[in-house]
Amino acid sequence: MPEIWVEKILDEPELYILRIDDERIKYFEATWDIPEGITYNAYLMKTGDAVVLFDAWKKDYTEEFLETLRKLVDPKEITHIIIHHTEPDHSGAIPAVLEANGYRAQLIGTTFAKRFMEGFYGEKVVENFYTIKDGEERNIGGKTFRFITVPWLHWPDTMITYVVEDKLIFSCDAGGGYGIPEAIDDSDEEVVKRYLPHVTKYIVTVIGHYHKYIVQNIKKLKSLGIVEEARMILPGHGLIWRKNPMRIFEHYERVGAGIPEKDKILVIYDSMYGFVERRMEVVIDELRKHGKKPVVYRFTDKEAPAVSDILGEVPDSEAIIIGASTYEAEIHPRIRYTLYEILDKANYEKPVLIVGAFGWAGVAGKKIETLITRSKFDLVDVVESRGMPRSEDEEKLREGVRKLVAWAG
């Protein structure tokens, strides 16, 4: 049975978090390896004559959600359900909530949200749906709710809610992360430090394709003055941010912009029989001579790292080195898949060095070069040769690393 958290966050307005820790999930969106798990956070506010539910849980946990909700309120008393993002990990339990509510509650969301909810759950679910306009304010239970659209964080339907009097930002996926923190909020710095790498991985795998919109939308929120003055940021996954609310959006900005950590170089390679690995040993040795800190992921006959973990390392790397075997006149399949995902999810202006090995014909280096030159990445050099590297190959590898280091600055 997954752990369920129900805690009062504020007395006025009366605000609760309803969180479930999903340890069963193995692959988020049926793609991304997340052994660290994930939480689904919903919130319930009682204010004046209103009872407002902010989002819900994944459909798999519908019964648990209703049971948890009933500890706080009779579902029939819910007057409004605010839908920040309709992806089913946040909306899956809503049809059952509406049924238990007798369809009395008004749903609030964007035009896209209404369209998606109807598509996912049928027409009856959206019979009482109020479509907001960007920046619109509504008085609900004596509180001013401001609705702000943040499209492509990470669907076109996404919005946040700002409760003006209490300076609360309900942000759903924006501000969320993978992982199951052992606390509700950011009050323990050790918890935060363990959690933030999962946030980075989440941002890249879930929102990375649209990472330019992270910077744009946070700039938009800052221009409205609500980020700096926020008392609390309440996302749909992971920690609530109330000790330092700005911190999570600043982290999102850094990842969205790809701001590097000094001297960090990401090294990714396959090696079927040791030929690429020997080359990468030379590369890593040269990196260390220059004071660089290589972070290494290798695909061999004994290990195959999760691509989701590799993606999480890209944004704060100064540069990337890719080592690949030619495999059936192609890029080695593990590297090919990893590279395609990097180009889709983590396409930044960072220098790249390509290292290749082949048996009878070199293809991988050329194909990777073509992909890199069509991306935002900056190609520094391609060093590819046959079989075990000779002394002249090793010198070319070291020279390639020196070029990369100079490029990365």
Protein backbone atom coordinates (compact mmCIF):
# COMPACT_ATOMS: atom_id res chain seq x y z
CA MET A 1 0.00 0.00 0.00
CA PRO A 2 1.53 3.34 -1.01
CA GLU A 3 2.00 5.93 1.70
CA ILE A 4 -0.61 8.69 1.80
CA TRP A 5 -0.01 12.08 3.38
CA VAL A 6 -2.82 14.39 4.52
CA GLU A 7 -1.57 17.50 6.25
CA LYS A 8 -2.96 20.92 6.99
CA ILE A 9 -0.68 23.51 5.40
CA LEU A 10 -2.50 26.66 6.52
CA ASP A 11 -5.21 27.56 9.02
CA GLU A 12 -6.40 30.60 7.08
CA PRO A 13 -7.42 29.83 4.49
CA GLU A 14 -7.90 26.23 5.62
CA LEU A 15 -5.60 24.42 3.19
CA TYR A 16 -4.58 20.76 2.98
CA ILE A 17 -2.24 18.68 0.87
CA LEU A 18 -3.36 15.22 -0.26
CA ARG A 19 -0.29 13.35 -1.44
CA ILE A 20 0.26 9.75 -2.47
CA ASP A 21 3.72 8.22 -2.92
CA ASP A 22 3.77 6.08 -6.07
CA GLU A 23 6.50 3.51 -5.53
CA ARG A 24 4.90 1.04 -7.96
CA ILE A 25 5.64 3.08 -11.05
CA LYS A 26 8.76 2.04 -12.96
CA TYR A 27 8.56 4.07 -16.18
CA PHE A 28 6.97 7.52 -16.14
CA GLU A 29 4.88 8.08 -19.27
CA ALA A 30 5.76 4.45 -20.07
CA THR A 31 9.22 5.69 -21.07
CA TRP A 32 11.42 7.19 -18.35
CA ASP A 33 13.09 4.95 -15.77
CA ILE A 34 12.26 6.35 -12.34
CA PRO A 35 13.29 3.89 -9.63
CA GLU A 36 13.04 6.91 -7.32
CA GLY A 37 9.25 6.95 -7.77
CA ILE A 38 7.01 10.01 -7.82
CA THR A 39 4.29 11.68 -5.77
CA TYR A 40 0.92 13.01 -6.89
CA ASN A 41 -0.15 16.11 -4.97
CA ALA A 42 -3.66 17.53 -4.81
CA TYR A 43 -4.82 20.36 -2.56
CA LEU A 44 -8.09 21.20 -0.83
CA MET A 45 -9.03 24.70 0.32
CA LYS A 46 -11.99 25.63 2.52
CA THR A 47 -12.67 29.35 2.40
CA GLY A 48 -15.88 31.28 3.01
CA ASP A 49 -18.71 29.40 1.35
CA ALA A 50 -16.40 27.56 -1.08
CA VAL A 51 -14.61 24.23 -1.00
CA VAL A 52 -11.99 24.18 -3.75
CA LEU A 53 -10.14 21.10 -5.00
CA PHE A 54 -6.92 21.72 -6.90
CA ASP A 55 -6.24 18.77 -9.25
CA ALA A 56 -6.34 15.10 -8.19
CA TRP A 57 -4.37 11.84 -8.49
CA LYS A 58 -3.70 9.25 -11.14
CA LYS A 59 -6.66 7.02 -12.05
CA ASP A 60 -4.89 3.97 -10.55
CA TYR A 61 -5.36 5.56 -7.12
CA THR A 62 -8.95 6.77 -7.53
CA GLU A 63 -10.36 4.75 -4.64
CA GLU A 64 -7.55 5.89 -2.35
CA PHE A 65 -8.12 9.49 -3.43
CA LEU A 66 -11.84 9.41 -2.64
CA GLU A 67 -11.19 7.75 0.70
CA THR A 68 -8.58 10.39 1.56
CA LEU A 69 -10.79 13.24 0.36
CA ARG A 70 -13.69 12.04 2.54
CA LYS A 71 -11.50 12.43 5.63
CA LEU A 72 -11.56 16.17 4.96
CA VAL A 73 -14.88 16.84 3.29
CA ASP A 74 -18.01 15.25 1.88
CA PRO A 75 -17.37 15.29 -1.90
CA LYS A 76 -20.84 16.79 -2.35
CA GLU A 77 -19.58 19.93 -0.58
CA ILE A 78 -16.90 20.63 -3.21
CA THR A 79 -17.91 23.77 -5.10
CA HIS A 80 -14.98 24.16 -7.52
CA ILE A 81 -12.36 21.90 -9.09
CA ILE A 82 -9.42 23.75 -10.60
CA ILE A 83 -7.65 21.86 -13.35
CA HIS A 84 -4.16 23.20 -13.97
CA HIS A 85 -3.10 20.46 -16.38
CA THR A 86 -5.19 17.60 -17.71
CA GLU A 87 -2.52 14.91 -18.02
CA PRO A 88 -4.09 11.82 -16.42
CA ASP A 89 -1.60 11.64 -13.54
CA HIS A 90 -3.38 14.77 -12.26
CA SER A 91 -6.89 14.38 -13.69
CA GLY A 92 -7.47 10.62 -13.64
CA ALA A 93 -9.51 10.59 -10.41
CA ILE A 94 -11.63 13.64 -11.30
CA PRO A 95 -14.48 11.76 -13.05
CA ALA A 96 -15.03 9.69 -9.91
CA VAL A 97 -14.87 12.82 -7.74
CA LEU A 98 -17.51 14.48 -9.92
CA GLU A 99 -19.72 11.43 -9.70
CA ALA A 100 -19.43 11.41 -5.89
CA ASN A 101 -20.06 15.17 -5.97
CA GLY A 102 -23.25 14.78 -7.99
CA TYR A 103 -21.69 16.97 -10.69
CA ARG A 104 -22.36 20.06 -8.57
CA ALA A 105 -18.80 21.42 -8.70
CA GLN A 106 -17.73 23.87 -11.36
CA LEU A 107 -14.58 22.86 -13.22
CA ILE A 108 -12.18 25.70 -14.01
CA GLY A 109 -9.43 25.56 -16.60
CA THR A 110 -8.21 26.69 -20.00
CA THR A 111 -9.92 26.15 -23.35
CA PHE A 112 -7.46 23.35 -24.08
CA ALA A 113 -8.19 21.80 -20.68
CA LYS A 114 -11.89 21.61 -21.46
CA ARG A 115 -11.16 20.03 -24.83
CA PHE A 116 -8.79 17.46 -23.33
CA MET A 117 -11.07 16.59 -20.41
CA GLU A 118 -13.92 15.93 -22.82
CA GLY A 119 -11.65 13.82 -25.00
CA PHE A 120 -10.32 11.80 -22.08
CA TYR A 121 -13.48 11.37 -19.98
CA GLY A 122 -16.54 12.28 -22.06
CA GLU A 123 -18.97 15.15 -22.43
CA LYS A 124 -20.66 14.84 -19.04
CA VAL A 125 -17.44 15.75 -17.23
CA VAL A 126 -17.32 19.19 -18.88
CA GLU A 127 -21.01 20.12 -18.66
CA ASN A 128 -20.21 22.62 -15.89
CA PHE A 129 -16.82 23.85 -17.10
CA TYR A 130 -15.74 27.48 -16.80
CA THR A 131 -13.08 28.52 -19.33
CA ILE A 132 -10.64 31.13 -18.04
CA LYS A 133 -8.83 33.86 -19.91
CA ASP A 134 -5.15 34.53 -19.22
CA GLY A 135 -4.82 36.83 -16.20
CA GLU A 136 -8.51 36.59 -15.31
CA GLU A 137 -9.49 37.01 -11.66
CA ARG A 138 -12.50 35.47 -9.92
CA ASN A 139 -13.76 35.82 -6.38
CA ILE A 140 -14.23 32.37 -4.87
CA GLY A 141 -15.20 32.08 -1.22
CA GLY A 142 -14.00 35.60 -0.50
CA LYS A 143 -10.58 35.02 -2.06
CA THR A 144 -9.24 36.43 -5.33
CA PHE A 145 -8.10 33.66 -7.65
CA ARG A 146 -5.95 34.82 -10.56
CA PHE A 147 -5.50 32.34 -13.40
CA ILE A 148 -2.36 32.65 -15.51
CA THR A 149 -1.68 30.51 -18.56
CA VAL A 150 1.79 28.98 -18.92
CA PRO A 151 1.46 27.00 -22.16
CA TRP A 152 3.98 24.26 -22.94
CA LEU A 153 4.86 23.70 -19.29
CA HIS A 154 4.39 21.17 -20.61
CA TRP A 155 1.09 20.91 -22.50
CA PRO A 156 -0.84 23.71 -24.22
CA ASP A 157 -3.53 23.46 -21.50
CA THR A 158 -1.27 24.37 -18.58
CA MET A 159 -2.06 27.21 -16.20
CA ILE A 160 -1.28 28.20 -12.63
CA THR A 161 -3.54 29.67 -9.95
CA TYR A 162 -2.44 32.57 -7.76
CA VAL A 163 -4.48 33.26 -4.64
CA VAL A 164 -3.86 36.98 -4.33
CA GLU A 165 -4.59 37.67 -0.66
CA ASP A 166 -2.51 34.73 0.56
CA LYS A 167 0.21 34.85 -2.11
CA LEU A 168 -0.12 31.15 -2.97
CA ILE A 169 0.95 29.71 -6.33
CA PHE A 170 -0.60 26.39 -7.34
CA SER A 171 1.71 25.34 -10.16
CA CYS A 172 1.01 21.66 -10.98
CA ASP A 173 3.83 20.27 -13.18
CA ALA A 174 5.81 23.53 -13.11
CA GLY A 175 7.90 23.23 -9.97
CA GLY A 176 7.47 19.47 -9.70
CA GLY A 177 9.98 16.65 -9.75
CA TYR A 178 10.46 12.91 -9.60
CA GLY A 179 11.25 11.27 -6.29
CA ILE A 180 9.46 10.62 -3.02
CA PRO A 181 10.83 13.18 -0.55
CA GLU A 182 10.69 12.16 3.10
CA ALA A 183 9.04 15.49 3.92
CA ILE A 184 6.18 17.65 2.70
CA ASP A 185 8.15 20.84 2.16
CA ASP A 186 11.61 22.37 1.72
CA SER A 187 12.30 23.07 5.40
CA ASP A 188 15.11 20.45 5.60
CA GLU A 189 18.10 21.37 3.42
CA GLU A 190 19.37 17.78 3.27
CA VAL A 191 16.01 16.63 1.89
CA VAL A 192 16.14 19.41 -0.72
CA LYS A 193 19.69 18.50 -1.80
CA ARG A 194 18.72 14.86 -2.33
CA TYR A 195 15.56 15.88 -4.17
CA LEU A 196 16.82 18.51 -6.63
CA PRO A 197 18.66 16.05 -8.96
CA HIS A 198 15.32 14.26 -9.40
CA VAL A 199 13.78 17.62 -10.29
CA THR A 200 16.41 18.18 -12.99
CA LYS A 201 15.77 14.73 -14.43
CA TYR A 202 12.02 15.43 -14.39
CA ILE A 203 12.38 18.79 -16.11
CA VAL A 204 14.49 17.34 -18.93
CA THR A 205 12.46 14.19 -19.56
CA VAL A 206 9.00 15.70 -19.15
CA ILE A 207 9.37 19.34 -20.21
CA GLY A 208 12.72 19.26 -22.00
CA HIS A 209 11.29 19.28 -25.52
CA TYR A 210 9.82 22.69 -24.63
CA HIS A 211 12.66 23.93 -22.42
CA LYS A 212 12.75 27.38 -24.04
CA TYR A 213 9.22 27.91 -22.72
CA ILE A 214 10.43 27.33 -19.16
CA VAL A 215 12.51 30.49 -19.34
CA GLN A 216 9.78 32.41 -21.18
CA ASN A 217 6.99 31.50 -18.76
CA ILE A 218 9.00 32.10 -15.60
CA LYS A 219 9.98 35.49 -17.03
CA LYS A 220 6.27 36.10 -17.57
CA LEU A 221 5.44 35.21 -13.95
CA LYS A 222 8.28 37.39 -12.67
CA SER A 223 7.01 40.31 -14.71
CA LEU A 224 3.69 39.96 -12.90
CA GLY A 225 5.51 40.22 -9.58
CA ILE A 226 4.02 37.05 -8.16
CA VAL A 227 7.14 34.86 -7.97
CA GLU A 228 9.13 37.21 -5.76
CA GLU A 229 6.19 37.82 -3.42
CA ALA A 230 4.95 34.21 -3.29
CA ARG A 231 4.43 32.87 0.19
CA MET A 232 4.31 29.32 -1.08
CA ILE A 233 4.59 27.34 -4.33
CA LEU A 234 2.49 24.19 -4.37
CA PRO A 235 3.30 21.83 -7.27
CA GLY A 236 1.59 18.66 -8.43
CA HIS A 237 4.63 16.47 -7.69
CA GLY A 238 7.21 16.46 -4.92
CA LEU A 239 7.97 19.13 -2.33
CA ILE A 240 5.97 22.21 -1.41
CA TRP A 241 8.22 25.29 -1.45
CA ARG A 242 7.60 27.62 1.49
CA LYS A 243 10.96 28.16 3.18
CA ASN A 244 12.37 29.56 -0.08
CA PRO A 245 9.65 29.58 -2.77
CA MET A 246 11.85 31.33 -5.34
CA ARG A 247 14.36 28.48 -5.24
CA ILE A 248 12.37 25.99 -7.30
CA PHE A 249 11.63 28.42 -10.14
CA GLU A 250 15.26 29.55 -10.13
CA HIS A 251 16.26 25.90 -10.47
CA TYR A 252 13.80 25.49 -13.36
CA GLU A 253 15.27 28.58 -15.03
CA ARG A 254 18.83 27.23 -14.78
CA VAL A 255 17.81 23.91 -16.30
CA GLY A 256 15.75 25.59 -19.01
CA ALA A 257 18.70 27.81 -19.93
CA GLY A 258 21.27 24.99 -19.64
CA ILE A 259 23.53 26.92 -17.25
CA PRO A 260 26.62 24.74 -16.68
CA GLU A 261 28.36 23.63 -13.53
CA LYS A 262 32.04 24.60 -13.72
CA ASP A 263 34.27 21.86 -15.22
CA LYS A 264 31.53 19.22 -15.54
CA ILE A 265 31.88 17.23 -18.78
CA LEU A 266 29.34 14.57 -19.69
CA VAL A 267 30.90 11.46 -21.29
CA ILE A 268 28.64 8.88 -22.93
CA TYR A 269 29.79 5.85 -24.87
CA ASP A 270 29.15 2.27 -25.89
CA SER A 271 31.85 -0.37 -26.06
CA MET A 272 31.09 -3.86 -27.31
CA TYR A 273 34.62 -5.32 -27.16
CA GLY A 274 36.73 -2.63 -25.53
CA PHE A 275 37.81 -0.61 -28.58
CA VAL A 276 35.72 2.46 -27.79
CA GLU A 277 36.43 2.07 -24.09
CA ARG A 278 40.18 2.25 -24.67
CA ARG A 279 39.68 5.51 -26.56
CA MET A 280 37.51 6.92 -23.79
CA GLU A 281 40.15 6.07 -21.19
CA VAL A 282 42.50 8.36 -23.11
CA VAL A 283 39.81 11.03 -23.36
CA ILE A 284 39.01 10.89 -19.64
CA ASP A 285 42.70 11.01 -18.73
CA GLU A 286 43.15 14.15 -20.83
CA LEU A 287 40.05 15.75 -19.31
CA ARG A 288 41.42 15.23 -15.81
CA LYS A 289 44.78 16.72 -16.83
CA HIS A 290 42.86 19.90 -17.60
CA GLY A 291 41.07 19.88 -14.25
CA LYS A 292 37.76 18.78 -15.69
CA LYS A 293 35.28 16.54 -13.87
CA PRO A 294 33.99 13.86 -16.24
CA VAL A 295 30.61 12.30 -15.47
CA VAL A 296 30.65 8.98 -17.30
CA TYR A 297 27.84 6.76 -18.60
CA ARG A 298 28.81 3.63 -20.49
CA PHE A 299 26.89 0.94 -22.37
CA THR A 300 28.79 -2.34 -22.28
CA ASP A 301 28.04 -6.06 -22.08
CA LYS A 302 27.71 -5.60 -18.31
CA GLU A 303 25.83 -2.33 -17.88
CA ALA A 304 23.20 -0.18 -19.54
CA PRO A 305 22.35 3.06 -17.72
CA ALA A 306 18.90 4.61 -17.88
CA VAL A 307 18.64 7.19 -20.64
CA SER A 308 16.50 9.30 -18.30
CA ASP A 309 19.47 9.56 -15.93
CA ILE A 310 21.77 10.60 -18.78
CA LEU A 311 19.32 13.28 -19.90
CA GLY A 312 19.31 14.73 -16.41
CA GLU A 313 23.07 15.33 -16.66
CA VAL A 314 22.98 17.38 -19.86
CA PRO A 315 21.70 20.83 -18.76
CA ASP A 316 24.48 21.63 -16.29
CA SER A 317 27.34 20.09 -18.28
CA GLU A 318 29.89 22.40 -19.92
CA ALA A 319 30.34 20.02 -22.84
CA ILE A 320 29.53 16.50 -24.04
CA ILE A 321 31.73 13.74 -25.42
CA ILE A 322 30.04 10.93 -27.32
CA GLY A 323 31.85 7.68 -28.06
CA ALA A 324 30.21 5.27 -30.49
CA SER A 325 30.87 2.05 -32.35
CA THR A 326 29.80 1.58 -35.93
CA TYR A 327 27.18 -1.17 -35.76
CA GLU A 328 25.73 -2.65 -38.96
CA ALA A 329 26.58 0.51 -40.92
CA GLU A 330 24.85 2.60 -38.26
CA ILE A 331 25.39 4.24 -34.88
CA HIS A 332 25.39 1.68 -32.08
CA PRO A 333 21.67 1.33 -31.16
CA ARG A 334 22.09 2.30 -27.52
CA ILE A 335 23.98 5.47 -28.43
CA ARG A 336 21.62 6.20 -31.31
CA TYR A 337 18.57 6.13 -29.02
CA THR A 338 20.35 8.17 -26.34
CA LEU A 339 21.47 10.73 -28.89
CA TYR A 340 18.00 11.08 -30.41
CA GLU A 341 16.55 11.72 -26.96
CA ILE A 342 19.26 14.26 -26.11
CA LEU A 343 18.59 16.13 -29.34
CA ASP A 344 14.86 16.12 -28.61
CA LYS A 345 14.81 16.75 -24.86
CA ALA A 346 18.11 18.50 -24.07
CA ASN A 347 19.12 20.40 -27.18
CA TYR A 348 21.44 23.15 -25.88
CA GLU A 349 24.25 25.28 -27.27
CA LYS A 350 27.08 23.20 -25.82
CA PRO A 351 30.27 21.92 -27.48
CA VAL A 352 30.41 18.24 -28.49
CA LEU A 353 33.34 15.97 -29.30
CA ILE A 354 32.62 12.76 -31.22
CA VAL A 355 34.81 9.69 -30.81
CA GLY A 356 34.30 6.64 -33.00
CA ALA A 357 35.64 3.13 -33.58
CA PHE A 358 34.89 0.72 -36.41
CA GLY A 359 35.91 -2.63 -37.81
CA TRP A 360 35.79 -2.37 -41.60
CA ALA A 361 34.05 0.95 -42.34
CA GLY A 362 33.53 4.07 -40.24
CA VAL A 363 29.90 5.23 -40.31
CA ALA A 364 28.88 6.15 -36.75
CA GLY A 365 31.10 9.25 -36.54
CA LYS A 366 29.75 10.70 -39.79
CA LYS A 367 26.13 10.01 -38.87
CA ILE A 368 26.50 11.57 -35.43
CA GLU A 369 28.25 14.54 -37.03
CA THR A 370 25.26 15.06 -39.32
CA LEU A 371 22.84 14.96 -36.38
CA ILE A 372 24.92 17.33 -34.26
CA THR A 373 25.38 19.89 -37.02
CA ARG A 374 21.60 20.04 -37.45
CA SER A 375 21.09 20.73 -33.74
CA LYS A 376 21.92 23.60 -31.38
CA PHE A 377 25.04 21.79 -30.20
CA ASP A 378 28.43 22.98 -31.46
CA LEU A 379 30.55 20.29 -33.13
CA VAL A 380 34.19 20.60 -32.03
CA ASP A 381 35.78 17.58 -33.72
CA VAL A 382 35.26 14.00 -34.90
CA VAL A 383 38.01 11.51 -34.07
CA GLU A 384 37.27 8.10 -35.58
CA SER A 385 39.59 5.22 -36.43
CA ARG A 386 39.77 1.46 -36.97
CA GLY A 387 40.17 -1.18 -34.29
CA MET A 388 42.41 -0.65 -31.29
CA PRO A 389 43.74 2.93 -31.16
CA ARG A 390 47.38 3.45 -32.15
CA SER A 391 49.66 6.12 -30.73
CA GLU A 392 48.73 8.56 -33.51
CA ASP A 393 45.02 7.96 -32.74
CA GLU A 394 45.63 8.67 -29.07
CA GLU A 395 47.29 11.97 -29.91
CA LYS A 396 44.29 12.94 -32.08
CA LEU A 397 41.99 12.09 -29.18
CA ARG A 398 43.98 14.26 -26.79
CA GLU A 399 44.02 17.08 -29.30
CA GLY A 400 40.23 16.74 -29.67
CA VAL A 401 39.85 17.04 -25.90
CA ARG A 402 42.09 20.12 -25.86
CA LYS A 403 39.90 21.72 -28.52
CA LEU A 404 36.78 20.88 -26.49
CA VAL A 405 38.25 22.34 -23.31
CA ALA A 406 39.26 25.53 -25.11
CA TRP A 407 35.77 25.80 -26.68
CA ALA A 408 34.01 25.24 -23.34
CA GLY A 409 36.16 28.04 -21.91
